Amino acid sequence: GELRIVRAYKNRFGGIDEICVFSMHDDGLHEVSNPSEIFLSGRKQRPSGSCVVAGILGSRPVLIEVQALVGETVYGTPRRLAANLDQARLAMVLAVLERRVGMHLGQHDVYASVAGGLRMNEPAADLGIALAIASAFRNVPIAQDAAAFGELGLSGEIRAVHAAARRTSEARRLGFRTLLSPESHSDVAQAIEAALA
């Protein structure tokens, strides 16, 4: 059925930032015990510009697909659009790709989106966004069994994020054997070369 997402930011004891995913049926709402499978269910086989991100929504690990589209601009100034992503984070990731990886995106429009309608604001999505953009720019798909997480620093390094073990466990549980993370790669250029090899 249709999905309903309930997000609680706080209760009378303070902030909680929790989500719960429900599926609408004829007899009412039923909790979805494994939202990652639902968010990845419509994913095409090996499209370029797509990367699975091991994120944390509330307190639960969730795998979400980040998509990117890169094309030559027809306008004087290239467009940079983010859907369900933080626009400032997208701008920062693009600057790192331009300066530290040598990806010349100055004459290209870049569109990035989180599939499934969820909003992904955590810094741990930086690496997945960068990989999706690199994949779209080079028109080379990332391996179907690969997932990513990690915060990008301005010098191109991949920084550690909280709940790395839970993210890794969720990805492994769903069959993602290749994990691109701060533990596997020290900088974004290495991660891109490994992901697009």
Protein backbone atom coordinates (compact mmCIF):
# COMPACT_ATOMS: atom_id res chain seq x y z
CA GLY A 1 0.00 0.00 0.00
CA GLU A 2 0.89 3.66 0.18
CA LEU A 3 3.58 4.68 2.63
CA ARG A 4 3.08 7.11 5.48
CA ILE A 5 6.05 8.46 7.40
CA VAL A 6 5.57 9.86 10.88
CA ARG A 7 8.42 11.94 12.27
CA ALA A 8 8.54 13.03 15.89
CA TYR A 9 11.02 15.77 16.69
CA LYS A 10 10.45 16.03 20.42
CA ASN A 11 8.26 14.92 23.26
CA ARG A 12 7.75 16.34 26.73
CA PHE A 13 11.15 15.00 27.82
CA GLY A 14 13.13 16.64 25.01
CA GLY A 15 14.25 16.01 21.45
CA ILE A 16 13.92 12.51 20.04
CA ASP A 17 14.03 12.89 16.23
CA GLU A 18 12.43 9.51 15.48
CA ILE A 19 10.67 8.23 12.39
CA CYS A 20 8.25 5.40 11.87
CA VAL A 21 7.18 4.10 8.46
CA PHE A 22 3.66 2.77 7.95
CA SER A 23 1.95 1.12 5.01
CA MET A 24 -1.71 1.96 4.33
CA HIS A 25 -4.01 -1.07 3.89
CA ASP A 26 -7.79 -1.58 3.77
CA ASP A 27 -7.83 -2.36 7.50
CA GLY A 28 -5.64 0.60 8.51
CA LEU A 29 -1.96 1.38 8.98
CA HIS A 30 0.64 -1.35 9.48
CA GLU A 31 4.19 -0.64 10.62
CA VAL A 32 6.88 -1.37 8.04
CA SER A 33 9.51 -3.40 9.84
CA ASN A 34 12.17 -3.00 7.13
CA PRO A 35 11.91 0.43 5.43
CA SER A 36 15.24 0.00 3.58
CA GLU A 37 13.79 -2.72 1.34
CA ILE A 38 10.82 -0.52 0.45
CA PHE A 39 12.94 2.57 -0.28
CA LEU A 40 15.18 0.51 -2.60
CA SER A 41 12.42 -1.58 -4.21
CA GLY A 42 12.00 0.53 -7.38
CA ARG A 43 15.73 0.77 -8.06
CA LYS A 44 16.87 0.00 -11.62
CA GLN A 45 19.70 -2.44 -12.25
CA ARG A 46 22.99 -0.52 -12.38
CA PRO A 47 21.96 2.93 -13.61
CA SER A 48 24.66 5.57 -13.81
CA GLY A 49 24.17 8.45 -11.38
CA SER A 50 22.79 6.27 -8.59
CA CYS A 51 24.34 5.42 -5.22
CA VAL A 52 22.87 3.69 -2.18
CA VAL A 53 23.59 5.61 1.03
CA ALA A 54 23.60 3.96 4.45
CA GLY A 55 21.89 6.68 6.46
CA ILE A 56 20.37 7.10 9.89
CA LEU A 57 16.80 8.39 10.12
CA GLY A 58 15.89 9.04 13.71
CA SER A 59 17.69 6.23 15.48
CA ARG A 60 17.34 3.53 12.82
CA PRO A 61 19.72 2.71 9.99
CA VAL A 62 18.08 3.00 6.56
CA LEU A 63 19.44 2.48 3.06
CA ILE A 64 18.33 5.18 0.64
CA GLU A 65 19.09 5.75 -3.03
CA VAL A 66 20.67 9.07 -4.00
CA GLN A 67 20.37 9.95 -7.69
CA ALA A 68 22.26 12.53 -9.73
CA LEU A 69 22.01 13.83 -13.27
CA VAL A 70 24.82 15.84 -14.87
CA GLY A 71 24.50 17.47 -18.28
CA GLU A 72 26.08 20.30 -20.23
CA THR A 73 24.42 23.60 -19.46
CA VAL A 74 22.49 25.56 -22.05
CA TYR A 75 22.31 28.59 -19.76
CA GLY A 76 25.04 31.10 -18.97
CA THR A 77 25.21 29.94 -15.38
CA PRO A 78 24.99 26.21 -14.61
CA ARG A 79 22.02 25.06 -12.52
CA ARG A 80 22.53 23.20 -9.24
CA LEU A 81 19.30 21.73 -7.89
CA ALA A 82 18.81 19.51 -4.84
CA ALA A 83 15.56 17.66 -4.12
CA ASN A 84 15.24 16.33 -0.55
CA LEU A 85 18.90 17.23 0.05
CA ASP A 86 20.49 20.26 1.66
CA GLN A 87 21.41 22.75 -1.10
CA ALA A 88 24.47 23.99 0.84
CA ARG A 89 25.81 20.43 1.22
CA LEU A 90 25.37 19.84 -2.51
CA ALA A 91 27.33 23.04 -3.25
CA MET A 92 30.11 21.93 -0.87
CA VAL A 93 30.31 18.43 -2.43
CA LEU A 94 30.51 19.99 -5.91
CA ALA A 95 33.33 22.30 -4.78
CA VAL A 96 35.28 19.33 -3.37
CA LEU A 97 34.78 17.34 -6.59
CA GLU A 98 35.90 20.31 -8.68
CA ARG A 99 38.96 21.24 -6.63
CA ARG A 100 40.17 17.96 -5.07
CA VAL A 101 39.18 15.39 -7.70
CA GLY A 102 39.63 17.55 -10.81
CA MET A 103 36.10 16.95 -12.05
CA HIS A 104 35.30 19.95 -14.27
CA LEU A 105 31.65 20.63 -13.51
CA GLY A 106 31.72 24.38 -14.21
CA GLN A 107 29.87 24.07 -17.52
CA HIS A 108 27.44 21.38 -16.34
CA ASP A 109 24.02 21.45 -14.72
CA VAL A 110 23.84 19.16 -11.68
CA TYR A 111 20.62 17.75 -10.26
CA ALA A 112 20.63 15.58 -7.13
CA SER A 113 17.72 13.88 -5.44
CA VAL A 114 16.85 11.36 -2.75
CA ALA A 115 14.53 8.69 -4.12
CA GLY A 116 11.46 7.77 -2.11
CA GLY A 117 10.55 11.25 -0.91
CA LEU A 118 12.65 11.16 2.26
CA ARG A 119 14.74 14.16 3.23
CA MET A 120 18.43 13.39 3.83
CA ASN A 121 20.28 16.17 5.65
CA GLU A 122 23.01 14.32 7.50
CA PRO A 123 26.68 14.90 6.59
CA ALA A 124 27.14 11.12 6.29
CA ALA A 125 25.39 11.31 2.90
CA ASP A 126 28.22 13.44 1.41
CA LEU A 127 30.17 10.49 0.02
CA GLY A 128 27.07 8.94 -1.57
CA ILE A 129 26.17 12.27 -3.18
CA ALA A 130 29.72 12.65 -4.53
CA LEU A 131 29.72 9.10 -5.92
CA ALA A 132 26.32 9.57 -7.60
CA ILE A 133 27.52 12.81 -9.23
CA ALA A 134 30.80 11.22 -10.37
CA SER A 135 28.89 8.24 -11.77
CA ALA A 136 26.52 10.52 -13.69
CA PHE A 137 29.36 12.75 -14.93
CA ARG A 138 31.38 9.80 -16.26
CA ASN A 139 28.25 7.83 -17.24
CA VAL A 140 29.62 4.76 -15.45
CA PRO A 141 27.38 2.87 -13.00
CA ILE A 142 28.41 1.99 -9.46
CA ALA A 143 28.32 -1.72 -8.61
CA GLN A 144 24.82 -2.95 -7.71
CA ASP A 145 26.09 -4.38 -4.40
CA ALA A 146 27.84 -1.17 -3.27
CA ALA A 147 26.68 1.26 -0.58
CA ALA A 148 28.39 4.34 0.82
CA PHE A 149 28.52 6.66 3.80
CA GLY A 150 30.94 9.28 5.07
CA GLU A 151 31.28 13.01 5.56
CA LEU A 152 33.53 14.90 3.14
CA GLY A 153 36.04 17.40 4.45
CA LEU A 154 37.02 20.40 2.33
CA SER A 155 40.41 18.86 1.59
CA GLY A 156 38.69 15.80 0.11
CA GLU A 157 39.16 13.46 3.06
CA ILE A 158 36.36 11.13 4.13
CA ARG A 159 35.54 11.71 7.79
CA ALA A 160 34.11 9.25 10.28
CA VAL A 161 30.42 9.52 11.16
CA HIS A 162 28.35 8.30 14.10
CA ALA A 163 26.73 4.84 14.09
CA ALA A 164 29.13 3.45 11.46
CA ALA A 165 28.72 -0.10 12.80
CA ARG A 166 24.92 0.08 12.55
CA ARG A 167 25.11 1.48 9.01
CA THR A 168 27.52 -1.29 7.98
CA SER A 169 25.36 -3.97 9.60
CA GLU A 170 22.20 -2.79 7.79
CA ALA A 171 24.00 -2.68 4.44
CA ARG A 172 25.47 -6.16 4.91
CA ARG A 173 22.09 -7.53 6.03
CA LEU A 174 20.54 -6.37 2.75
CA GLY A 175 23.29 -7.92 0.62
CA PHE A 176 25.57 -4.93 -0.03
CA ARG A 177 29.02 -6.53 -0.02
CA THR A 178 31.04 -3.46 -1.06
CA LEU A 179 31.03 -0.62 1.46
CA LEU A 180 32.64 2.71 0.56
CA SER A 181 33.25 4.45 3.87
CA PRO A 182 35.89 6.19 6.01
CA GLU A 183 37.16 2.73 7.01
CA SER A 184 37.77 1.63 3.41
CA HIS A 185 39.02 4.86 1.78
CA SER A 186 40.80 7.91 3.14
CA ASP A 187 39.73 10.40 0.47
CA VAL A 188 36.97 10.93 -2.07
CA ALA A 189 39.22 10.52 -5.13
CA GLN A 190 40.16 6.98 -3.99
CA ALA A 191 36.52 6.12 -3.31
CA ILE A 192 35.44 7.36 -6.76
CA GLU A 193 38.12 5.32 -8.53
CA ALA A 194 37.16 2.21 -6.54
CA ALA A 195 33.42 2.70 -7.12
CA LEU A 196 33.70 3.35 -10.86
CA ALA A 197 36.38 0.73 -11.64
